[in-house]
Amino acid sequence: MNPLVPESGLFPLWVERMRLHLPTVPEALARLLLLVVVALFLLTFVLQPYLIPSESMERTLMVGDFVLVNKQIYAPASSLTRWFMPYRDVARGDVVVFHHPQHPYVVKRVVGLPGDRLRINDGRVTVNGALLDEPYAAFDPAARTPFRDGFPANLYADPNVDMTWWKQMQSLTRNGELMVPVGQYFVLGDNRNHSDDSRFWGFVARQQIVARPLVIYFSLYRPSATDLEQATDGKLKHDRPLLAKLQGYARWKRIFHVVR
């Protein structure tokens, strides 16, 4: 049996001990400084925030999503970092951030690895003869185009397709299958019919891939040509109640959503 300690006994001593553990002003400042240093380290070397501006990765990433990306996961492992920063190579199905000649950073999903044989039919990908399972892919209605839905052999009729890529594609395509060269990756947007990706400008080199999205830390409703729910419900009006305005301001359910 553990009886309660009366106030006239050990209780005041226990309170006094608790008081002794309260941090002093210098200790509190030191802890705050440590927190700032850790946060700066993470934001400088490990994590970086980005805003999704287009609908090419819907429904995985929506227009207005703010994401934190891991800048170290694909960085070369060194003896200094490999013990506390997990490293691995790029895998099929990874959502990756990479440098692009026309944009500082682009985000797409890897579907083709070096050495793969790819075939695309109506936006669906076959890898080495097997249909790729892609539960993340969306196929909104759109007019069929040869470059978006396959690898045309003798036709160059789409001004959106890079001419250099078209010439390279001819040399790497056999019987409708595209061979991915060593050190190169083929990437697509999850919103297959509304994505400017490897089908239009070619492969992504390994050294161009710099990060992988981790988590959506905030998400604002922003207009999107292919997101009907967002286009109708994402507009704020002055005559709406405050709660409705707050609900229409952000996609609250997407906050802290892990990117897969």
C-alpha atoms as a PDB file:
ATOM      1  CA  MET A   1       0.000   0.000   0.000  1.00  0.00           C
ATOM      2  CA  ASN A   2       1.282   3.468  -0.972  1.00  0.00           C
ATOM      3  CA  PRO A   3      -0.387   6.090   1.153  1.00  0.00           C
ATOM      4  CA  LEU A   4      -0.491   9.693  -0.012  1.00  0.00           C
ATOM      5  CA  VAL A   5       2.240  11.836   1.426  1.00  0.00           C
ATOM      6  CA  PRO A   6       0.685  14.515   3.619  1.00  0.00           C
ATOM      7  CA  GLU A   7       1.369  18.128   2.803  1.00  0.00           C
ATOM      8  CA  SER A   8       3.304  18.522   6.060  1.00  0.00           C
ATOM      9  CA  GLY A   9       5.653  15.658   5.078  1.00  0.00           C
ATOM     10  CA  LEU A  10       7.614  15.203   1.821  1.00  0.00           C
ATOM     11  CA  PHE A  11       5.300  17.134  -0.503  1.00  0.00           C
ATOM     12  CA  PRO A  12       6.960  20.549  -0.047  1.00  0.00           C
ATOM     13  CA  LEU A  13      10.360  18.915  -0.644  1.00  0.00           C
ATOM     14  CA  TRP A  14       9.059  17.353  -3.883  1.00  0.00           C
ATOM     15  CA  VAL A  15       7.783  20.731  -5.031  1.00  0.00           C
ATOM     16  CA  GLU A  16      11.119  22.302  -4.198  1.00  0.00           C
ATOM     17  CA  ARG A  17      12.946  19.676  -6.255  1.00  0.00           C
ATOM     18  CA  MET A  18      10.670  20.383  -9.197  1.00  0.00           C
ATOM     19  CA  ARG A  19      11.493  24.063  -8.885  1.00  0.00           C
ATOM     20  CA  LEU A  20      15.178  23.269  -8.914  1.00  0.00           C
ATOM     21  CA  HIS A  21      14.794  21.606 -12.337  1.00  0.00           C
ATOM     22  CA  LEU A  22      13.246  24.666 -14.011  1.00  0.00           C
ATOM     23  CA  PRO A  23      15.749  26.039 -16.572  1.00  0.00           C
ATOM     24  CA  THR A  24      17.391  29.348 -15.951  1.00  0.00           C
ATOM     25  CA  VAL A  25      17.320  32.108 -18.557  1.00  0.00           C
ATOM     26  CA  PRO A  26      20.779  31.177 -19.937  1.00  0.00           C
ATOM     27  CA  GLU A  27      19.756  27.499 -20.079  1.00  0.00           C
ATOM     28  CA  ALA A  28      16.546  28.366 -21.899  1.00  0.00           C
ATOM     29  CA  LEU A  29      18.449  30.526 -24.389  1.00  0.00           C
ATOM     30  CA  ALA A  30      20.974  27.743 -24.921  1.00  0.00           C
ATOM     31  CA  ARG A  31      18.199  25.240 -25.669  1.00  0.00           C
ATOM     32  CA  LEU A  32      16.534  27.701 -28.031  1.00  0.00           C
ATOM     33  CA  LEU A  33      19.840  28.265 -29.808  1.00  0.00           C
ATOM     34  CA  LEU A  34      20.336  24.509 -30.143  1.00  0.00           C
ATOM     35  CA  LEU A  35      16.839  24.176 -31.633  1.00  0.00           C
ATOM     36  CA  VAL A  36      17.580  26.946 -34.141  1.00  0.00           C
ATOM     37  CA  VAL A  37      20.901  25.333 -35.100  1.00  0.00           C
ATOM     38  CA  VAL A  38      19.256  21.927 -35.637  1.00  0.00           C
ATOM     39  CA  ALA A  39      16.454  23.510 -37.696  1.00  0.00           C
ATOM     40  CA  LEU A  40      18.953  25.426 -39.848  1.00  0.00           C
ATOM     41  CA  PHE A  41      21.012  22.267 -40.351  1.00  0.00           C
ATOM     42  CA  LEU A  42      17.968  20.289 -41.468  1.00  0.00           C
ATOM     43  CA  LEU A  43      16.747  23.023 -43.828  1.00  0.00           C
ATOM     44  CA  THR A  44      20.234  23.557 -45.264  1.00  0.00           C
ATOM     45  CA  PHE A  45      21.474  20.011 -45.745  1.00  0.00           C
ATOM     46  CA  VAL A  46      18.526  17.618 -45.404  1.00  0.00           C
ATOM     47  CA  LEU A  47      15.101  19.194 -45.973  1.00  0.00           C
ATOM     48  CA  GLN A  48      13.798  21.906 -48.287  1.00  0.00           C
ATOM     49  CA  PRO A  49      10.250  23.241 -48.834  1.00  0.00           C
ATOM     50  CA  TYR A  50       8.624  23.504 -52.271  1.00  0.00           C
ATOM     51  CA  LEU A  51       5.265  24.638 -53.627  1.00  0.00           C
ATOM     52  CA  ILE A  52       3.532  22.534 -56.302  1.00  0.00           C
ATOM     53  CA  PRO A  53       2.513  24.924 -59.139  1.00  0.00           C
ATOM     54  CA  SER A  54       0.877  22.608 -61.701  1.00  0.00           C
ATOM     55  CA  GLU A  55      -1.512  19.690 -61.980  1.00  0.00           C
ATOM     56  CA  SER A  56       0.889  17.221 -63.657  1.00  0.00           C
ATOM     57  CA  MET A  57       1.256  15.078 -60.481  1.00  0.00           C
ATOM     58  CA  GLU A  58      -2.404  15.026 -59.438  1.00  0.00           C
ATOM     59  CA  ARG A  59      -3.729  13.264 -57.434  1.00  0.00           C
ATOM     60  CA  THR A  60      -0.456  12.546 -55.625  1.00  0.00           C
ATOM     61  CA  LEU A  61       0.547  16.217 -55.488  1.00  0.00           C
ATOM     62  CA  MET A  62      -2.071  18.920 -55.972  1.00  0.00           C
ATOM     63  CA  VAL A  63      -1.699  22.515 -57.082  1.00  0.00           C
ATOM     64  CA  GLY A  64      -1.062  24.482 -53.886  1.00  0.00           C
ATOM     65  CA  ASP A  65       0.585  21.651 -51.921  1.00  0.00           C
ATOM     66  CA  PHE A  66       3.614  22.667 -49.860  1.00  0.00           C
ATOM     67  CA  VAL A  67       6.025  19.742 -49.570  1.00  0.00           C
ATOM     68  CA  LEU A  68       9.211  19.031 -47.659  1.00  0.00           C
ATOM     69  CA  VAL A  69      11.760  17.100 -49.692  1.00  0.00           C
ATOM     70  CA  ASN A  70      14.689  14.965 -48.540  1.00  0.00           C
ATOM     71  CA  LYS A  71      17.851  16.266 -50.204  1.00  0.00           C
ATOM     72  CA  GLN A  72      20.137  13.559 -48.789  1.00  0.00           C
ATOM     73  CA  ILE A  73      18.402  10.306 -49.701  1.00  0.00           C
ATOM     74  CA  TYR A  74      19.960  10.202 -53.187  1.00  0.00           C
ATOM     75  CA  ALA A  75      23.207  11.981 -52.305  1.00  0.00           C
ATOM     76  CA  PRO A  76      26.371   9.845 -52.518  1.00  0.00           C
ATOM     77  CA  ALA A  77      26.924   8.087 -49.208  1.00  0.00           C
ATOM     78  CA  SER A  78      30.135   9.091 -47.430  1.00  0.00           C
ATOM     79  CA  SER A  79      31.793   7.738 -44.325  1.00  0.00           C
ATOM     80  CA  LEU A  80      30.694  10.885 -42.498  1.00  0.00           C
ATOM     81  CA  THR A  81      26.979  10.798 -43.359  1.00  0.00           C
ATOM     82  CA  ARG A  82      26.042   7.171 -43.973  1.00  0.00           C
ATOM     83  CA  TRP A  83      25.587   6.446 -40.253  1.00  0.00           C
ATOM     84  CA  PHE A  84      22.908   9.057 -39.581  1.00  0.00           C
ATOM     85  CA  MET A  85      21.492   9.959 -43.037  1.00  0.00           C
ATOM     86  CA  PRO A  86      19.851   7.030 -44.854  1.00  0.00           C
ATOM     87  CA  TYR A  87      20.976   6.761 -48.484  1.00  0.00           C
ATOM     88  CA  ARG A  88      19.701   4.631 -51.343  1.00  0.00           C
ATOM     89  CA  ASP A  89      19.628   4.732 -55.107  1.00  0.00           C
ATOM     90  CA  VAL A  90      16.669   5.773 -57.246  1.00  0.00           C
ATOM     91  CA  ALA A  91      13.964   3.088 -57.490  1.00  0.00           C
ATOM     92  CA  ARG A  92      11.064   2.566 -59.851  1.00  0.00           C
ATOM     93  CA  GLY A  93       7.947   4.289 -58.517  1.00  0.00           C
ATOM     94  CA  ASP A  94       9.890   6.991 -56.655  1.00  0.00           C
ATOM     95  CA  VAL A  95       8.579  10.541 -56.847  1.00  0.00           C
ATOM     96  CA  VAL A  96      11.727  12.601 -57.474  1.00  0.00           C
ATOM     97  CA  VAL A  97      12.803  16.235 -57.719  1.00  0.00           C
ATOM     98  CA  PHE A  98      15.352  16.957 -60.437  1.00  0.00           C
ATOM     99  CA  HIS A  99      16.993  19.766 -62.379  1.00  0.00           C
ATOM    100  CA  HIS A 100      15.558  20.558 -65.792  1.00  0.00           C
ATOM    101  CA  PRO A 101      17.077  22.783 -68.509  1.00  0.00           C
ATOM    102  CA  GLN A 102      13.960  24.969 -68.691  1.00  0.00           C
ATOM    103  CA  HIS A 103      13.029  24.971 -64.976  1.00  0.00           C
ATOM    104  CA  PRO A 104      15.105  25.065 -61.781  1.00  0.00           C
ATOM    105  CA  TYR A 105      13.302  22.035 -60.317  1.00  0.00           C
ATOM    106  CA  VAL A 106      10.713  19.573 -61.609  1.00  0.00           C
ATOM    107  CA  VAL A 107       8.872  16.768 -59.796  1.00  0.00           C
ATOM    108  CA  LYS A 108       7.804  13.538 -61.569  1.00  0.00           C
ATOM    109  CA  ARG A 109       7.617   9.797 -60.924  1.00  0.00           C
ATOM    110  CA  VAL A 110      10.285   7.346 -62.106  1.00  0.00           C
ATOM    111  CA  VAL A 111       8.867   4.562 -64.284  1.00  0.00           C
ATOM    112  CA  GLY A 112      11.925   3.515 -66.292  1.00  0.00           C
ATOM    113  CA  LEU A 113      15.330   2.506 -64.906  1.00  0.00           C
ATOM    114  CA  PRO A 114      18.609   2.065 -66.835  1.00  0.00           C
ATOM    115  CA  GLY A 115      18.350  -0.989 -69.065  1.00  0.00           C
ATOM    116  CA  ASP A 116      14.532  -1.156 -69.032  1.00  0.00           C
ATOM    117  CA  ARG A 117      12.475  -1.721 -72.174  1.00  0.00           C
ATOM    118  CA  LEU A 118       9.418   0.563 -72.084  1.00  0.00           C
ATOM    119  CA  ARG A 119       6.189   0.535 -74.025  1.00  0.00           C
ATOM    120  CA  ILE A 120       3.297   2.997 -73.559  1.00  0.00           C
ATOM    121  CA  ASN A 121      -0.271   2.310 -74.652  1.00  0.00           C
ATOM    122  CA  ASP A 122      -2.972   4.888 -73.815  1.00  0.00           C
ATOM    123  CA  GLY A 123      -0.760   6.274 -71.066  1.00  0.00           C
ATOM    124  CA  ARG A 124      -0.218   2.890 -69.383  1.00  0.00           C
ATOM    125  CA  VAL A 125       3.340   1.654 -69.103  1.00  0.00           C
ATOM    126  CA  THR A 126       4.722  -1.807 -69.849  1.00  0.00           C
ATOM    127  CA  VAL A 127       8.211  -2.504 -68.486  1.00  0.00           C
ATOM    128  CA  ASN A 128      10.219  -5.429 -69.885  1.00  0.00           C
ATOM    129  CA  GLY A 129       7.033  -7.040 -71.165  1.00  0.00           C
ATOM    130  CA  ALA A 130       4.999  -6.691 -67.942  1.00  0.00           C
ATOM    131  CA  LEU A 131       2.259  -4.121 -67.363  1.00  0.00           C
ATOM    132  CA  LEU A 132       3.332  -1.756 -64.591  1.00  0.00           C
ATOM    133  CA  ASP A 133       0.973  -1.589 -61.597  1.00  0.00           C
ATOM    134  CA  GLU A 134       0.303   2.128 -61.113  1.00  0.00           C
ATOM    135  CA  PRO A 135      -2.477   2.819 -58.586  1.00  0.00           C
ATOM    136  CA  TYR A 136      -1.302   6.435 -58.382  1.00  0.00           C
ATOM    137  CA  ALA A 137      -1.861   7.210 -62.085  1.00  0.00           C
ATOM    138  CA  ALA A 138      -4.867   9.291 -63.175  1.00  0.00           C
ATOM    139  CA  PHE A 139      -6.284   9.272 -66.692  1.00  0.00           C
ATOM    140  CA  ASP A 140      -8.496  12.314 -67.235  1.00  0.00           C
ATOM    141  CA  PRO A 141     -10.185  12.490 -70.649  1.00  0.00           C
ATOM    142  CA  ALA A 142      -7.994  14.068 -73.327  1.00  0.00           C
ATOM    143  CA  ALA A 143      -7.444  13.881 -77.068  1.00  0.00           C
ATOM    144  CA  ARG A 144      -5.037  11.169 -78.134  1.00  0.00           C
ATOM    145  CA  THR A 145      -1.585  12.261 -79.315  1.00  0.00           C
ATOM    146  CA  PRO A 146       1.144   9.969 -80.706  1.00  0.00           C
ATOM    147  CA  PHE A 147       3.908  11.128 -78.357  1.00  0.00           C
ATOM    148  CA  ARG A 148       1.844  10.994 -75.192  1.00  0.00           C
ATOM    149  CA  ASP A 149       0.456   7.545 -75.879  1.00  0.00           C
ATOM    150  CA  GLY A 150       3.459   5.786 -77.435  1.00  0.00           C
ATOM    151  CA  PHE A 151       6.824   6.090 -79.187  1.00  0.00           C
ATOM    152  CA  PRO A 152       6.036   6.881 -82.854  1.00  0.00           C
ATOM    153  CA  ALA A 153       8.645   5.577 -85.245  1.00  0.00           C
ATOM    154  CA  ASN A 154       8.456   7.843 -88.278  1.00  0.00           C
ATOM    155  CA  LEU A 155       6.382  10.837 -87.323  1.00  0.00           C
ATOM    156  CA  TYR A 156       7.272  14.236 -85.952  1.00  0.00           C
ATOM    157  CA  ALA A 157       4.073  16.273 -85.829  1.00  0.00           C
ATOM    158  CA  ASP A 158       3.900  17.670 -82.286  1.00  0.00           C
ATOM    159  CA  PRO A 159       5.593  21.071 -81.734  1.00  0.00           C
ATOM    160  CA  ASN A 160       5.680  20.363 -77.979  1.00  0.00           C
ATOM    161  CA  VAL A 161       8.152  17.512 -78.511  1.00  0.00           C
ATOM    162  CA  ASP A 162      11.839  18.396 -78.346  1.00  0.00           C
ATOM    163  CA  MET A 163      13.499  17.691 -81.697  1.00  0.00           C
ATOM    164  CA  THR A 164      16.713  16.420 -80.108  1.00  0.00           C
ATOM    165  CA  TRP A 165      14.708  13.980 -78.008  1.00  0.00           C
ATOM    166  CA  TRP A 166      12.750  12.803 -81.057  1.00  0.00           C
ATOM    167  CA  LYS A 167      15.987  11.954 -82.867  1.00  0.00           C
ATOM    168  CA  GLN A 168      17.356  10.115 -79.815  1.00  0.00           C
ATOM    169  CA  MET A 169      14.094   8.213 -79.422  1.00  0.00           C
ATOM    170  CA  GLN A 170      14.374   6.910 -83.005  1.00  0.00           C
ATOM    171  CA  SER A 171      17.754   5.345 -82.284  1.00  0.00           C
ATOM    172  CA  LEU A 172      16.595   3.715 -79.030  1.00  0.00           C
ATOM    173  CA  THR A 173      13.178   2.370 -80.099  1.00  0.00           C
ATOM    174  CA  ARG A 174      12.669  -1.093 -81.537  1.00  0.00           C
ATOM    175  CA  ASN A 175       9.221  -2.522 -82.316  1.00  0.00           C
ATOM    176  CA  GLY A 176       7.543   0.133 -80.194  1.00  0.00           C
ATOM    177  CA  GLU A 177       9.809  -0.449 -77.164  1.00  0.00           C
ATOM    178  CA  LEU A 178      12.150   2.238 -75.851  1.00  0.00           C
ATOM    179  CA  MET A 179      15.470   1.168 -74.300  1.00  0.00           C
ATOM    180  CA  VAL A 180      16.535   3.319 -71.325  1.00  0.00           C
ATOM    181  CA  PRO A 181      20.312   3.992 -71.525  1.00  0.00           C
ATOM    182  CA  VAL A 182      22.780   3.524 -68.677  1.00  0.00           C
ATOM    183  CA  GLY A 183      22.651   6.364 -66.144  1.00  0.00           C
ATOM    184  CA  GLN A 184      19.297   7.632 -67.449  1.00  0.00           C
ATOM    185  CA  TYR A 185      15.739   7.507 -66.086  1.00  0.00           C
ATOM    186  CA  PHE A 186      12.336   7.830 -67.738  1.00  0.00           C
ATOM    187  CA  VAL A 187       9.855   9.900 -65.712  1.00  0.00           C
ATOM    188  CA  LEU A 188       6.129  10.558 -66.046  1.00  0.00           C
ATOM    189  CA  GLY A 189       3.566  12.707 -64.292  1.00  0.00           C
ATOM    190  CA  ASP A 190       0.844  10.853 -62.392  1.00  0.00           C
ATOM    191  CA  ASN A 191      -1.757  12.929 -64.243  1.00  0.00           C
ATOM    192  CA  ARG A 192      -0.901  11.116 -67.464  1.00  0.00           C
ATOM    193  CA  ASN A 193      -2.935  13.117 -69.949  1.00  0.00           C
ATOM    194  CA  HIS A 194      -1.887  16.498 -68.539  1.00  0.00           C
ATOM    195  CA  SER A 195       1.849  16.194 -67.923  1.00  0.00           C
ATOM    196  CA  ASP A 196       4.903  17.532 -69.722  1.00  0.00           C
ATOM    197  CA  ASP A 197       7.440  14.775 -69.014  1.00  0.00           C
ATOM    198  CA  SER A 198       9.957  12.354 -70.563  1.00  0.00           C
ATOM    199  CA  ARG A 199       7.565  11.601 -73.393  1.00  0.00           C
ATOM    200  CA  PHE A 200       8.119  15.148 -74.669  1.00  0.00           C
ATOM    201  CA  TRP A 201      11.720  16.012 -73.719  1.00  0.00           C
ATOM    202  CA  GLY A 202      13.537  12.787 -72.902  1.00  0.00           C
ATOM    203  CA  PHE A 203      15.447  11.132 -70.092  1.00  0.00           C
ATOM    204  CA  VAL A 204      16.626  12.457 -66.738  1.00  0.00           C
ATOM    205  CA  ALA A 205      20.274  11.811 -65.925  1.00  0.00           C
ATOM    206  CA  ARG A 206      21.167  10.378 -62.521  1.00  0.00           C
ATOM    207  CA  GLN A 207      23.134  13.479 -61.550  1.00  0.00           C
ATOM    208  CA  GLN A 208      20.088  15.663 -62.210  1.00  0.00           C
ATOM    209  CA  ILE A 209      18.022  13.923 -59.496  1.00  0.00           C
ATOM    210  CA  VAL A 210      18.477  15.826 -56.245  1.00  0.00           C
ATOM    211  CA  ALA A 211      15.665  15.008 -53.801  1.00  0.00           C
ATOM    212  CA  ARG A 212      12.546  13.039 -52.954  1.00  0.00           C
ATOM    213  CA  PRO A 213       9.316  14.568 -51.550  1.00  0.00           C
ATOM    214  CA  LEU A 214       8.575  13.406 -48.001  1.00  0.00           C
ATOM    215  CA  VAL A 215       5.459  15.037 -46.621  1.00  0.00           C
ATOM    216  CA  ILE A 216       2.859  17.686 -47.435  1.00  0.00           C
ATOM    217  CA  TYR A 217       3.072  20.176 -44.577  1.00  0.00           C
ATOM    218  CA  PHE A 218       0.355  22.516 -45.882  1.00  0.00           C
ATOM    219  CA  SER A 219      -2.015  22.679 -48.835  1.00  0.00           C
ATOM    220  CA  LEU A 220      -3.833  25.701 -50.245  1.00  0.00           C
ATOM    221  CA  TYR A 221      -6.742  25.487 -52.644  1.00  0.00           C
ATOM    222  CA  ARG A 222      -5.472  26.747 -55.977  1.00  0.00           C
ATOM    223  CA  PRO A 223      -7.162  26.691 -59.420  1.00  0.00           C
ATOM    224  CA  SER A 224      -6.420  23.617 -61.488  1.00  0.00           C
ATOM    225  CA  ALA A 225      -7.695  22.841 -64.971  1.00  0.00           C
ATOM    226  CA  THR A 226      -8.178  19.152 -64.170  1.00  0.00           C
ATOM    227  CA  ASP A 227      -9.345  19.224 -60.543  1.00  0.00           C
ATOM    228  CA  LEU A 228     -13.096  19.881 -60.732  1.00  0.00           C
ATOM    229  CA  GLU A 229     -13.595  19.675 -56.983  1.00  0.00           C
ATOM    230  CA  GLN A 230     -10.898  22.257 -56.433  1.00  0.00           C
ATOM    231  CA  ALA A 231     -12.178  24.514 -59.207  1.00  0.00           C
ATOM    232  CA  THR A 232     -15.690  24.658 -57.734  1.00  0.00           C
ATOM    233  CA  ASP A 233     -15.046  24.554 -53.995  1.00  0.00           C
ATOM    234  CA  GLY A 234     -11.748  26.413 -53.771  1.00  0.00           C
ATOM    235  CA  LYS A 235     -13.076  29.935 -54.371  1.00  0.00           C
ATOM    236  CA  LEU A 236     -13.615  32.127 -51.321  1.00  0.00           C
ATOM    237  CA  LYS A 237     -16.643  34.397 -51.246  1.00  0.00           C
ATOM    238  CA  HIS A 238     -17.298  37.346 -48.945  1.00  0.00           C
ATOM    239  CA  ASP A 239     -20.789  36.162 -48.041  1.00  0.00           C
ATOM    240  CA  ARG A 240     -19.697  32.712 -46.832  1.00  0.00           C
ATOM    241  CA  PRO A 241     -19.562  31.962 -43.095  1.00  0.00           C
ATOM    242  CA  LEU A 242     -16.139  32.010 -41.439  1.00  0.00           C
ATOM    243  CA  LEU A 243     -16.011  28.225 -41.057  1.00  0.00           C
ATOM    244  CA  ALA A 244     -16.806  27.736 -44.733  1.00  0.00           C
ATOM    245  CA  LYS A 245     -14.103  30.219 -45.672  1.00  0.00           C
ATOM    246  CA  LEU A 246     -11.555  28.389 -43.544  1.00  0.00           C
ATOM    247  CA  GLN A 247     -12.558  25.069 -45.073  1.00  0.00           C
ATOM    248  CA  GLY A 248     -12.262  26.521 -48.562  1.00  0.00           C
ATOM    249  CA  TYR A 249      -8.921  28.200 -47.854  1.00  0.00           C
ATOM    250  CA  ALA A 250      -6.878  25.021 -47.446  1.00  0.00           C
ATOM    251  CA  ARG A 251      -7.078  21.262 -47.908  1.00  0.00           C
ATOM    252  CA  TRP A 252      -6.788  20.527 -44.209  1.00  0.00           C
ATOM    253  CA  LYS A 253      -6.922  16.744 -44.658  1.00  0.00           C
ATOM    254  CA  ARG A 254      -3.767  16.813 -46.777  1.00  0.00           C
ATOM    255  CA  ILE A 255      -1.612  18.411 -44.074  1.00  0.00           C
ATOM    256  CA  PHE A 256       1.103  15.961 -42.873  1.00  0.00           C
ATOM    257  CA  HIS A 257       0.131  13.582 -45.672  1.00  0.00           C
ATOM    258  CA  VAL A 258       3.114  11.357 -46.579  1.00  0.00           C
ATOM    259  CA  VAL A 259       4.012  11.446 -50.292  1.00  0.00           C
ATOM    260  CA  ARG A 260       4.085   7.982 -51.879  1.00  0.00           C
END
